[in-house]
Amino acid sequence: MLNSELYELSTQTNALAMQCKSLLGFHTCRYKHFVDGSDRGFNCTYARMTSRYAHEELTEMRAALKELQSRVQVALDTLDAASTVTDVASMDI
């Protein structure tokens, strides 16, 4: 793996991490926390509203997960293509 390939892999994995964090914006993703964090559990206002409107959010969430899946596959392909770091190890630090 060349420096440029390692840099690209780092870029891809950072984008992947940011996209994972963006999933937390979906109420569907936070539903568990609404239920667990309230004394009223499934009767919590946020939990009830999330379950009521989840169908509206699921299409967008599915698209985000498909994009995430695509990014994961690119990162895995990059790792498979070059499993050793060649010129990074020889760099003067």
PDB file of N, CA and C in Angstrom:
ATOM      1  N   MET A   1       0.848  -1.165   0.000  1.00  0.00           N
ATOM      2  CA  MET A   1       0.000   0.000   0.000  1.00  0.00           C
ATOM      3  C   MET A   1       0.897   1.233   0.000  1.00  0.00           C
ATOM      4  N   LEU A   2       0.672   2.096  -0.944  1.00  0.00           N
ATOM      5  CA  LEU A   2       1.445   3.321  -1.050  1.00  0.00           C
ATOM      6  C   LEU A   2       0.863   4.386  -0.131  1.00  0.00           C
ATOM      7  N   ASN A   3       1.644   5.454   0.094  1.00  0.00           N
ATOM      8  CA  ASN A   3       1.151   6.561   0.919  1.00  0.00           C
ATOM      9  C   ASN A   3      -0.186   7.074   0.407  1.00  0.00           C
ATOM     10  N   SER A   4      -0.304   7.211  -0.893  1.00  0.00           N
ATOM     11  CA  SER A   4      -1.543   7.737  -1.467  1.00  0.00           C
ATOM     12  C   SER A   4      -2.715   6.785  -1.219  1.00  0.00           C
ATOM     13  N   GLU A   5      -2.450   5.483  -1.264  1.00  0.00           N
ATOM     14  CA  GLU A   5      -3.502   4.495  -1.003  1.00  0.00           C
ATOM     15  C   GLU A   5      -3.905   4.508   0.477  1.00  0.00           C
ATOM     16  N   LEU A   6      -2.917   4.635   1.350  1.00  0.00           N
ATOM     17  CA  LEU A   6      -3.195   4.717   2.780  1.00  0.00           C
ATOM     18  C   LEU A   6      -3.993   5.980   3.093  1.00  0.00           C
ATOM     19  N   TYR A   7      -3.621   7.073   2.424  1.00  0.00           N
ATOM     20  CA  TYR A   7      -4.338   8.334   2.599  1.00  0.00           C
ATOM     21  C   TYR A   7      -5.788   8.184   2.138  1.00  0.00           C
ATOM     22  N   GLU A   8      -5.990   7.537   1.013  1.00  0.00           N
ATOM     23  CA  GLU A   8      -7.334   7.320   0.490  1.00  0.00           C
ATOM     24  C   GLU A   8      -8.148   6.429   1.435  1.00  0.00           C
ATOM     25  N   LEU A   9      -7.519   5.388   1.952  1.00  0.00           N
ATOM     26  CA  LEU A   9      -8.205   4.511   2.903  1.00  0.00           C
ATOM     27  C   LEU A   9      -8.603   5.287   4.159  1.00  0.00           C
ATOM     28  N   SER A  10      -7.714   6.122   4.649  1.00  0.00           N
ATOM     29  CA  SER A  10      -8.012   6.953   5.817  1.00  0.00           C
ATOM     30  C   SER A  10      -9.166   7.902   5.519  1.00  0.00           C
ATOM     31  N   THR A  11      -9.166   8.478   4.338  1.00  0.00           N
ATOM     32  CA  THR A  11     -10.250   9.366   3.922  1.00  0.00           C
ATOM     33  C   THR A  11     -11.573   8.610   3.884  1.00  0.00           C
ATOM     34  N   GLN A  12     -11.546   7.410   3.319  1.00  0.00           N
ATOM     35  CA  GLN A  12     -12.757   6.594   3.222  1.00  0.00           C
ATOM     36  C   GLN A  12     -13.284   6.203   4.597  1.00  0.00           C
ATOM     37  N   THR A  13     -12.399   5.799   5.486  1.00  0.00           N
ATOM     38  CA  THR A  13     -12.855   5.360   6.802  1.00  0.00           C
ATOM     39  C   THR A  13     -13.353   6.533   7.646  1.00  0.00           C
ATOM     40  N   ASN A  14     -12.755   7.702   7.485  1.00  0.00           N
ATOM     41  CA  ASN A  14     -13.253   8.880   8.183  1.00  0.00           C
ATOM     42  C   ASN A  14     -14.644   9.262   7.677  1.00  0.00           C
ATOM     43  N   ALA A  15     -14.843   9.206   6.365  1.00  0.00           N
ATOM     44  CA  ALA A  15     -16.162   9.485   5.797  1.00  0.00           C
ATOM     45  C   ALA A  15     -17.178   8.464   6.292  1.00  0.00           C
ATOM     46  N   LEU A  16     -16.752   7.230   6.393  1.00  0.00           N
ATOM     47  CA  LEU A  16     -17.609   6.156   6.893  1.00  0.00           C
ATOM     48  C   LEU A  16     -18.028   6.431   8.345  1.00  0.00           C
ATOM     49  N   ALA A  17     -17.077   6.828   9.163  1.00  0.00           N
ATOM     50  CA  ALA A  17     -17.381   7.140  10.562  1.00  0.00           C
ATOM     51  C   ALA A  17     -18.349   8.313  10.670  1.00  0.00           C
ATOM     52  N   MET A  18     -18.154   9.332   9.854  1.00  0.00           N
ATOM     53  CA  MET A  18     -19.054  10.483   9.879  1.00  0.00           C
ATOM     54  C   MET A  18     -20.455  10.086   9.430  1.00  0.00           C
ATOM     55  N   GLN A  19     -20.524   9.213   8.441  1.00  0.00           N
ATOM     56  CA  GLN A  19     -21.834   8.769   7.972  1.00  0.00           C
ATOM     57  C   GLN A  19     -22.536   7.930   9.043  1.00  0.00           C
ATOM     58  N   CYS A  20     -21.773   7.115   9.768  1.00  0.00           N
ATOM     59  CA  CYS A  20     -22.360   6.353  10.881  1.00  0.00           C
ATOM     60  C   CYS A  20     -22.943   7.307  11.916  1.00  0.00           C
ATOM     61  N   LYS A  21     -22.208   8.361  12.226  1.00  0.00           N
ATOM     62  CA  LYS A  21     -22.699   9.343  13.188  1.00  0.00           C
ATOM     63  C   LYS A  21     -23.965  10.018  12.681  1.00  0.00           C
ATOM     64  N   SER A  22     -24.052  10.231  11.372  1.00  0.00           N
ATOM     65  CA  SER A  22     -25.236  10.906  10.820  1.00  0.00           C
ATOM     66  C   SER A  22     -26.493  10.056  10.994  1.00  0.00           C
ATOM     67  N   LEU A  23     -26.340   8.741  11.111  1.00  0.00           N
ATOM     68  CA  LEU A  23     -27.499   7.876  11.332  1.00  0.00           C
ATOM     69  C   LEU A  23     -28.180   8.180  12.671  1.00  0.00           C
ATOM     70  N   LEU A  24     -27.420   8.731  13.603  1.00  0.00           N
ATOM     71  CA  LEU A  24     -27.999   9.066  14.904  1.00  0.00           C
ATOM     72  C   LEU A  24     -29.036  10.182  14.795  1.00  0.00           C
ATOM     73  N   GLY A  25     -29.068  10.861  13.675  1.00  0.00           N
ATOM     74  CA  GLY A  25     -30.074  11.886  13.451  1.00  0.00           C
ATOM     75  C   GLY A  25     -31.462  11.325  13.203  1.00  0.00           C
ATOM     76  N   PHE A  26     -31.533  10.052  12.888  1.00  0.00           N
ATOM     77  CA  PHE A  26     -32.825   9.426  12.643  1.00  0.00           C
ATOM     78  C   PHE A  26     -33.473   9.034  13.968  1.00  0.00           C
ATOM     79  N   HIS A  27     -34.717   9.410  14.143  1.00  0.00           N
ATOM     80  CA  HIS A  27     -35.439   9.030  15.358  1.00  0.00           C
ATOM     81  C   HIS A  27     -35.516   7.512  15.489  1.00  0.00           C
ATOM     82  N   THR A  28     -35.632   6.827  14.354  1.00  0.00           N
ATOM     83  CA  THR A  28     -35.701   5.369  14.364  1.00  0.00           C
ATOM     84  C   THR A  28     -34.450   4.777  15.014  1.00  0.00           C
ATOM     85  N   CYS A  29     -33.308   5.375  14.757  1.00  0.00           N
ATOM     86  CA  CYS A  29     -32.048   4.903  15.329  1.00  0.00           C
ATOM     87  C   CYS A  29     -32.000   5.172  16.832  1.00  0.00           C
ATOM     88  N   ARG A  30     -32.624   6.260  17.280  1.00  0.00           N
ATOM     89  CA  ARG A  30     -32.585   6.641  18.694  1.00  0.00           C
ATOM     90  C   ARG A  30     -33.748   6.064  19.500  1.00  0.00           C
ATOM     91  N   TYR A  31     -34.632   5.317  18.877  1.00  0.00           N
ATOM     92  CA  TYR A  31     -35.828   4.793  19.529  1.00  0.00           C
ATOM     93  C   TYR A  31     -35.493   4.052  20.832  1.00  0.00           C
ATOM     94  N   LYS A  32     -34.489   3.199  20.791  1.00  0.00           N
ATOM     95  CA  LYS A  32     -34.072   2.431  21.971  1.00  0.00           C
ATOM     96  C   LYS A  32     -33.753   3.362  23.133  1.00  0.00           C
ATOM     97  N   HIS A  33     -33.052   4.456  22.841  1.00  0.00           N
ATOM     98  CA  HIS A  33     -32.677   5.394  23.892  1.00  0.00           C
ATOM     99  C   HIS A  33     -33.895   6.128  24.451  1.00  0.00           C
ATOM    100  N   PHE A  34     -34.860   6.402  23.604  1.00  0.00           N
ATOM    101  CA  PHE A  34     -36.099   7.025  24.084  1.00  0.00           C
ATOM    102  C   PHE A  34     -36.799   6.097  25.078  1.00  0.00           C
ATOM    103  N   VAL A  35     -36.891   4.821  24.708  1.00  0.00           N
ATOM    104  CA  VAL A  35     -37.581   3.845  25.555  1.00  0.00           C
ATOM    105  C   VAL A  35     -36.813   3.602  26.849  1.00  0.00           C
ATOM    106  N   ASP A  36     -35.509   3.349  26.720  1.00  0.00           N
ATOM    107  CA  ASP A  36     -34.693   3.024  27.898  1.00  0.00           C
ATOM    108  C   ASP A  36     -34.489   4.216  28.829  1.00  0.00           C
ATOM    109  N   GLY A  37     -34.509   5.423  28.276  1.00  0.00           N
ATOM    110  CA  GLY A  37     -34.209   6.605  29.065  1.00  0.00           C
ATOM    111  C   GLY A  37     -35.414   7.216  29.766  1.00  0.00           C
ATOM    112  N   SER A  38     -36.566   6.633  29.562  1.00  0.00           N
ATOM    113  CA  SER A  38     -37.775   7.186  30.166  1.00  0.00           C
ATOM    114  C   SER A  38     -38.395   6.197  31.143  1.00  0.00           C
ATOM    115  N   ASP A  39     -38.932   6.725  32.211  1.00  0.00           N
ATOM    116  CA  ASP A  39     -39.640   5.870  33.173  1.00  0.00           C
ATOM    117  C   ASP A  39     -40.890   5.261  32.539  1.00  0.00           C
ATOM    118  N   ARG A  40     -41.387   5.909  31.494  1.00  0.00           N
ATOM    119  CA  ARG A  40     -42.607   5.430  30.840  1.00  0.00           C
ATOM    120  C   ARG A  40     -42.325   4.432  29.715  1.00  0.00           C
ATOM    121  N   GLY A  41     -41.055   4.158  29.447  1.00  0.00           N
ATOM    122  CA  GLY A  41     -40.691   3.152  28.443  1.00  0.00           C
ATOM    123  C   GLY A  41     -41.333   3.411  27.091  1.00  0.00           C
ATOM    124  N   PHE A  42     -42.059   2.420  26.578  1.00  0.00           N
ATOM    125  CA  PHE A  42     -42.686   2.533  25.265  1.00  0.00           C
ATOM    126  C   PHE A  42     -43.772   3.607  25.226  1.00  0.00           C
ATOM    127  N   ASN A  43     -44.228   4.041  26.377  1.00  0.00           N
ATOM    128  CA  ASN A  43     -45.240   5.091  26.439  1.00  0.00           C
ATOM    129  C   ASN A  43     -44.639   6.491  26.519  1.00  0.00           C
ATOM    130  N   CYS A  44     -43.337   6.581  26.453  1.00  0.00           N
ATOM    131  CA  CYS A  44     -42.659   7.871  26.409  1.00  0.00           C
ATOM    132  C   CYS A  44     -43.150   8.628  25.174  1.00  0.00           C
ATOM    133  N   THR A  45     -43.315   9.916  25.305  1.00  0.00           N
ATOM    134  CA  THR A  45     -43.818  10.729  24.194  1.00  0.00           C
ATOM    135  C   THR A  45     -42.966  10.571  22.945  1.00  0.00           C
ATOM    136  N   TYR A  46     -41.642  10.640  23.089  1.00  0.00           N
ATOM    137  CA  TYR A  46     -40.751  10.516  21.936  1.00  0.00           C
ATOM    138  C   TYR A  46     -40.834   9.127  21.308  1.00  0.00           C
ATOM    139  N   ALA A  47     -40.921   8.101  22.143  1.00  0.00           N
ATOM    140  CA  ALA A  47     -41.027   6.732  21.630  1.00  0.00           C
ATOM    141  C   ALA A  47     -42.332   6.551  20.857  1.00  0.00           C
ATOM    142  N   ARG A  48     -43.432   7.049  21.415  1.00  0.00           N
ATOM    143  CA  ARG A  48     -44.723   6.907  20.728  1.00  0.00           C
ATOM    144  C   ARG A  48     -44.729   7.652  19.398  1.00  0.00           C
ATOM    145  N   MET A  49     -44.190   8.858  19.376  1.00  0.00           N
ATOM    146  CA  MET A  49     -44.160   9.631  18.132  1.00  0.00           C
ATOM    147  C   MET A  49     -43.235   8.974  17.100  1.00  0.00           C
ATOM    148  N   THR A  50     -42.125   8.418  17.575  1.00  0.00           N
ATOM    149  CA  THR A  50     -41.212   7.741  16.658  1.00  0.00           C
ATOM    150  C   THR A  50     -41.889   6.534  16.028  1.00  0.00           C
ATOM    151  N   SER A  51     -42.574   5.736  16.830  1.00  0.00           N
ATOM    152  CA  SER A  51     -43.237   4.556  16.279  1.00  0.00           C
ATOM    153  C   SER A  51     -44.379   4.955  15.350  1.00  0.00           C
ATOM    154  N   ARG A  52     -45.004   6.070  15.623  1.00  0.00           N
ATOM    155  CA  ARG A  52     -46.104   6.530  14.792  1.00  0.00           C
ATOM    156  C   ARG A  52     -45.628   7.012  13.412  1.00  0.00           C
ATOM    157  N   TYR A  53     -44.478   7.664  13.380  1.00  0.00           N
ATOM    158  CA  TYR A  53     -44.004   8.260  12.125  1.00  0.00           C
ATOM    159  C   TYR A  53     -42.782   7.559  11.520  1.00  0.00           C
ATOM    160  N   ALA A  54     -42.396   6.422  12.056  1.00  0.00           N
ATOM    161  CA  ALA A  54     -41.199   5.723  11.572  1.00  0.00           C
ATOM    162  C   ALA A  54     -41.279   5.400  10.082  1.00  0.00           C
ATOM    163  N   HIS A  55     -42.443   5.043   9.604  1.00  0.00           N
ATOM    164  CA  HIS A  55     -42.579   4.663   8.194  1.00  0.00           C
ATOM    165  C   HIS A  55     -42.166   5.799   7.262  1.00  0.00           C
ATOM    166  N   GLU A  56     -42.333   7.048   7.696  1.00  0.00           N
ATOM    167  CA  GLU A  56     -41.937   8.185   6.873  1.00  0.00           C
ATOM    168  C   GLU A  56     -40.416   8.328   6.802  1.00  0.00           C
ATOM    169  N   GLU A  57     -39.744   7.869   7.813  1.00  0.00           N
ATOM    170  CA  GLU A  57     -38.300   8.018   7.906  1.00  0.00           C
ATOM    171  C   GLU A  57     -37.538   6.827   7.322  1.00  0.00           C
ATOM    172  N   LEU A  58     -38.190   5.682   7.240  1.00  0.00           N
ATOM    173  CA  LEU A  58     -37.477   4.452   6.874  1.00  0.00           C
ATOM    174  C   LEU A  58     -36.897   4.471   5.466  1.00  0.00           C
ATOM    175  N   THR A  59     -37.555   5.107   4.513  1.00  0.00           N
ATOM    176  CA  THR A  59     -37.018   5.163   3.147  1.00  0.00           C
ATOM    177  C   THR A  59     -35.698   5.926   3.123  1.00  0.00           C
ATOM    178  N   GLU A  60     -35.670   7.062   3.807  1.00  0.00           N
ATOM    179  CA  GLU A  60     -34.449   7.860   3.865  1.00  0.00           C
ATOM    180  C   GLU A  60     -33.345   7.125   4.626  1.00  0.00           C
ATOM    181  N   MET A  61     -33.726   6.462   5.714  1.00  0.00           N
ATOM    182  CA  MET A  61     -32.756   5.714   6.502  1.00  0.00           C
ATOM    183  C   MET A  61     -32.192   4.533   5.707  1.00  0.00           C
ATOM    184  N   ARG A  62     -33.043   3.886   4.936  1.00  0.00           N
ATOM    185  CA  ARG A  62     -32.593   2.767   4.094  1.00  0.00           C
ATOM    186  C   ARG A  62     -31.567   3.247   3.077  1.00  0.00           C
ATOM    187  N   ALA A  63     -31.817   4.400   2.465  1.00  0.00           N
ATOM    188  CA  ALA A  63     -30.873   4.961   1.495  1.00  0.00           C
ATOM    189  C   ALA A  63     -29.534   5.285   2.166  1.00  0.00           C
ATOM    190  N   ALA A  64     -29.578   5.827   3.372  1.00  0.00           N
ATOM    191  CA  ALA A  64     -28.347   6.138   4.105  1.00  0.00           C
ATOM    192  C   ALA A  64     -27.570   4.866   4.426  1.00  0.00           C
ATOM    193  N   LEU A  65     -28.277   3.811   4.796  1.00  0.00           N
ATOM    194  CA  LEU A  65     -27.615   2.539   5.103  1.00  0.00           C
ATOM    195  C   LEU A  65     -27.027   1.899   3.850  1.00  0.00           C
ATOM    196  N   LYS A  66     -27.705   2.039   2.710  1.00  0.00           N
ATOM    197  CA  LYS A  66     -27.167   1.492   1.452  1.00  0.00           C
ATOM    198  C   LYS A  66     -25.878   2.222   1.071  1.00  0.00           C
ATOM    199  N   GLU A  67     -25.862   3.547   1.252  1.00  0.00           N
ATOM    200  CA  GLU A  67     -24.657   4.326   0.973  1.00  0.00           C
ATOM    201  C   GLU A  67     -23.534   3.910   1.920  1.00  0.00           C
ATOM    202  N   LEU A  68     -23.873   3.681   3.169  1.00  0.00           N
ATOM    203  CA  LEU A  68     -22.899   3.218   4.150  1.00  0.00           C
ATOM    204  C   LEU A  68     -22.340   1.858   3.746  1.00  0.00           C
ATOM    205  N   GLN A  69     -23.205   0.970   3.310  1.00  0.00           N
ATOM    206  CA  GLN A  69     -22.790  -0.350   2.855  1.00  0.00           C
ATOM    207  C   GLN A  69     -21.814  -0.218   1.677  1.00  0.00           C
ATOM    208  N   SER A  70     -22.099   0.692   0.772  1.00  0.00           N
ATOM    209  CA  SER A  70     -21.234   0.914  -0.380  1.00  0.00           C
ATOM    210  C   SER A  70     -19.855   1.412   0.062  1.00  0.00           C
ATOM    211  N   ARG A  71     -19.841   2.345   1.010  1.00  0.00           N
ATOM    212  CA  ARG A  71     -18.560   2.865   1.507  1.00  0.00           C
ATOM    213  C   ARG A  71     -17.745   1.783   2.214  1.00  0.00           C
ATOM    214  N   VAL A  72     -18.411   0.928   2.963  1.00  0.00           N
ATOM    215  CA  VAL A  72     -17.730  -0.171   3.640  1.00  0.00           C
ATOM    216  C   VAL A  72     -17.096  -1.100   2.605  1.00  0.00           C
ATOM    217  N   GLN A  73     -17.832  -1.403   1.536  1.00  0.00           N
ATOM    218  CA  GLN A  73     -17.304  -2.294   0.511  1.00  0.00           C
ATOM    219  C   GLN A  73     -16.084  -1.694  -0.179  1.00  0.00           C
ATOM    220  N   VAL A  74     -16.103  -0.398  -0.446  1.00  0.00           N
ATOM    221  CA  VAL A  74     -14.945   0.272  -1.060  1.00  0.00           C
ATOM    222  C   VAL A  74     -13.737   0.183  -0.136  1.00  0.00           C
ATOM    223  N   ALA A  75     -13.944   0.422   1.141  1.00  0.00           N
ATOM    224  CA  ALA A  75     -12.837   0.336   2.098  1.00  0.00           C
ATOM    225  C   ALA A  75     -12.277  -1.081   2.167  1.00  0.00           C
ATOM    226  N   LEU A  76     -13.167  -2.083   2.173  1.00  0.00           N
ATOM    227  CA  LEU A  76     -12.711  -3.472   2.201  1.00  0.00           C
ATOM    228  C   LEU A  76     -11.950  -3.828   0.929  1.00  0.00           C
ATOM    229  N   ASP A  77     -12.436  -3.380  -0.207  1.00  0.00           N
ATOM    230  CA  ASP A  77     -11.749  -3.640  -1.476  1.00  0.00           C
ATOM    231  C   ASP A  77     -10.369  -3.012  -1.488  1.00  0.00           C
ATOM    232  N   THR A  78     -10.260  -1.803  -0.936  1.00  0.00           N
ATOM    233  CA  THR A  78      -8.964  -1.124  -0.865  1.00  0.00           C
ATOM    234  C   THR A  78      -7.996  -1.912  -0.002  1.00  0.00           C
ATOM    235  N   LEU A  79      -8.483  -2.412   1.127  1.00  0.00           N
ATOM    236  CA  LEU A  79      -7.628  -3.222   2.000  1.00  0.00           C
ATOM    237  C   LEU A  79      -7.213  -4.529   1.339  1.00  0.00           C
ATOM    238  N   ASP A  80      -8.139  -5.169   0.639  1.00  0.00           N
ATOM    239  CA  ASP A  80      -7.826  -6.425  -0.025  1.00  0.00           C
ATOM    240  C   ASP A  80      -6.813  -6.231  -1.146  1.00  0.00           C
ATOM    241  N   ALA A  81      -6.880  -5.111  -1.836  1.00  0.00           N
ATOM    242  CA  ALA A  81      -6.000  -4.856  -2.975  1.00  0.00           C
ATOM    243  C   ALA A  81      -4.549  -4.642  -2.541  1.00  0.00           C
ATOM    244  N   ALA A  82      -4.354  -4.048  -1.378  1.00  0.00           N
ATOM    245  CA  ALA A  82      -2.996  -3.762  -0.920  1.00  0.00           C
ATOM    246  C   ALA A  82      -2.930  -4.042   0.572  1.00  0.00           C
ATOM    247  N   SER A  83      -2.542  -5.248   0.924  1.00  0.00           N
ATOM    248  CA  SER A  83      -2.582  -5.646   2.328  1.00  0.00           C
ATOM    249  C   SER A  83      -1.334  -5.260   3.114  1.00  0.00           C
ATOM    250  N   THR A  84      -0.319  -4.746   2.435  1.00  0.00           N
ATOM    251  CA  THR A  84       0.888  -4.351   3.153  1.00  0.00           C
ATOM    252  C   THR A  84       1.208  -2.890   2.873  1.00  0.00           C
ATOM    253  N   VAL A  85       1.778  -2.244   3.853  1.00  0.00           N
ATOM    254  CA  VAL A  85       2.213  -0.860   3.700  1.00  0.00           C
ATOM    255  C   VAL A  85       3.661  -0.904   3.253  1.00  0.00           C
ATOM    256  N   THR A  86       3.954  -0.351   2.077  1.00  0.00           N
ATOM    257  CA  THR A  86       5.317  -0.435   1.560  1.00  0.00           C
ATOM    258  C   THR A  86       6.101   0.853   1.793  1.00  0.00           C
ATOM    259  N   ASP A  87       5.689   1.951   1.203  1.00  0.00           N
ATOM    260  CA  ASP A  87       6.531   3.134   1.316  1.00  0.00           C
ATOM    261  C   ASP A  87       6.249   3.949   2.578  1.00  0.00           C
ATOM    262  N   VAL A  88       5.187   3.679   3.298  1.00  0.00           N
ATOM    263  CA  VAL A  88       4.946   4.383   4.558  1.00  0.00           C
ATOM    264  C   VAL A  88       5.987   3.963   5.586  1.00  0.00           C
ATOM    265  N   ALA A  89       6.321   2.682   5.600  1.00  0.00           N
ATOM    266  CA  ALA A  89       7.288   2.174   6.579  1.00  0.00           C
ATOM    267  C   ALA A  89       8.685   2.740   6.345  1.00  0.00           C
ATOM    268  N   SER A  90       8.966   3.129   5.117  1.00  0.00           N
ATOM    269  CA  SER A  90      10.305   3.618   4.821  1.00  0.00           C
ATOM    270  C   SER A  90      10.406   5.141   4.897  1.00  0.00           C
ATOM    271  N   MET A  91       9.341   5.810   5.282  1.00  0.00           N
ATOM    272  CA  MET A  91       9.361   7.263   5.351  1.00  0.00           C
ATOM    273  C   MET A  91      10.265   7.746   6.483  1.00  0.00           C
ATOM    274  N   ASP A  92      10.943   8.856   6.249  1.00  0.00           N
ATOM    275  CA  ASP A  92      11.722   9.481   7.319  1.00  0.00           C
ATOM    276  C   ASP A  92      10.768  10.259   8.198  1.00  0.00           C
ATOM    277  N   ILE A  93      10.837   9.985   9.488  1.00  0.00           N
ATOM    278  CA  ILE A  93       9.953  10.692  10.424  1.00  0.00           C
ATOM    279  C   ILE A  93      10.770  11.625  11.276  1.00  0.00           C
TER     280      ILE A  93
END
